[in-house]
Amino acid sequence: MDKNDQDLDDMFDKDQSDVLQSIKLSRILLPVFLGIAVVIILLYRSFDIEEFRDIAWDRHILIWTTVAIIFLILRHCAYAYRIYTLSDKKFSWWKCIELIFIWEFSSAVSPTSVGGSAAAFFVLAQEKLSTARTATIVTYTIVLDTLFFVVTLPIWLAILGFSIIRPNMESFRDLDALGYTFLLAYLGMAAYGFLFYWGLFQQPKKIKQFLAWITKLKPLKRFNEKAKSLGDDIMIASEEMRSKDKLFHTKAFLSTFLAWTFRFTILSSLIIAFTPISIDFQTQFALFARLETMFVIIAFSPTPGGAGVIEALFSSFFTDYMEKGTQTLVISFIWRMITYYSYLTIGAFIIPNWLRKVINERKKKRIQQRNSN
């Protein structure tokens, strides 16, 4: 452990120190290296210089790539509005914009053991929000994000069938490893979301008791303290949520729905840019459903931000929209540059100043405590 790590441990408790370590700029290297490694392998296997030269870098590509960037900005604004709403306007609009950059960065570099929610809770706690408000924002965003997938995917499945998972899937009998992975991921997400929803709106005390009980089992014993802390957060958040009116919940859900919709239309815009895909409603609706399925699967990726996993799986989801090869690599690369590596880059400028402010605030408090004693 170096001096900076020791300073963090001295200034914060262990959980807070773990979160801070997880969003240090040095953590950028892992997802970057993973992504680059997979891209190099894919380039070696699939890149064809003649195919690359055949791509017409014309006005059509420029327009739709610009549209993708606009959707990225709109997605960021939708997330910022959600924070603005859930915080009861305690943050300014520009502060919400900054917080989403930090939140996205921390989610992109956080290992599975820490997780984006833990980082988000820590970040918001440093902005002088009450514990109740912080717990409400983090817990409710988990419910909202999960609700979007749990509600919409069965609708797409009923309308479009199993083709939302992979081309040429017509029934349950056609499921392959990817299909079963999707179903397991969806069930896991549904159980996870239901647990938080039930705890937040129905029985917070029972959820707290359940979490404490299940983590007494030997395989889960090391998570007992964190589970108890999560139970406390759910109880605090539940009290806050029960006092909110329908307009509050409507704004929260609509901002979530728009954020995820814009996330998917970023990639669909890039596919339109580089392929002869039709832009009629039926085609784009089917593509939207396929994109949502892909995100469910990669949500359980063990790597930071899905780095490496997304690049490796990308082409297998869209074989009916684009041919495997150079074209797919180009689309995947630009998409990841816009939606993932852009946040790593911007975070590299924002995080140091934010961390410096957090640490300085901690130092001031410690000095004040020593002087008062």
Foldseek 3Di string as FASTA:
>chain_A
DDPVLVLLVVLDPPLLSLLVVQLPLVLVVFLVVLQVVLLVVLCVVFADVVVVVPFDPDPLLVVLLVVLLVLLVLLLLLQLVLLCLLLVNPDPSVVSSLLSLSLQSSLQRGFPVNHSLNNSLSLVVLVVRDLLSSLQSSLVVLLLLLCLLLPVLVVCCVVPNPCLAAPPDHHPVPDDPSNVLLVVLNVVSVVVNVLSVCLQANNLPVSLVVLQVVCVPPVNVVCNVVSNVNSVSSVSNSVVVVVDDPVSVVSNNVSSNSSLQSLQSSLVSNLVSGFVDDPDPVRVVSSSSSSSSVCSSLVPPRHRNSRNVCLVCVCRSPCVSDPPHDSSSVSVVSSCVSNPVVSSVVCVVSVVVSVVVSVVVSVVVVVVVVVVD
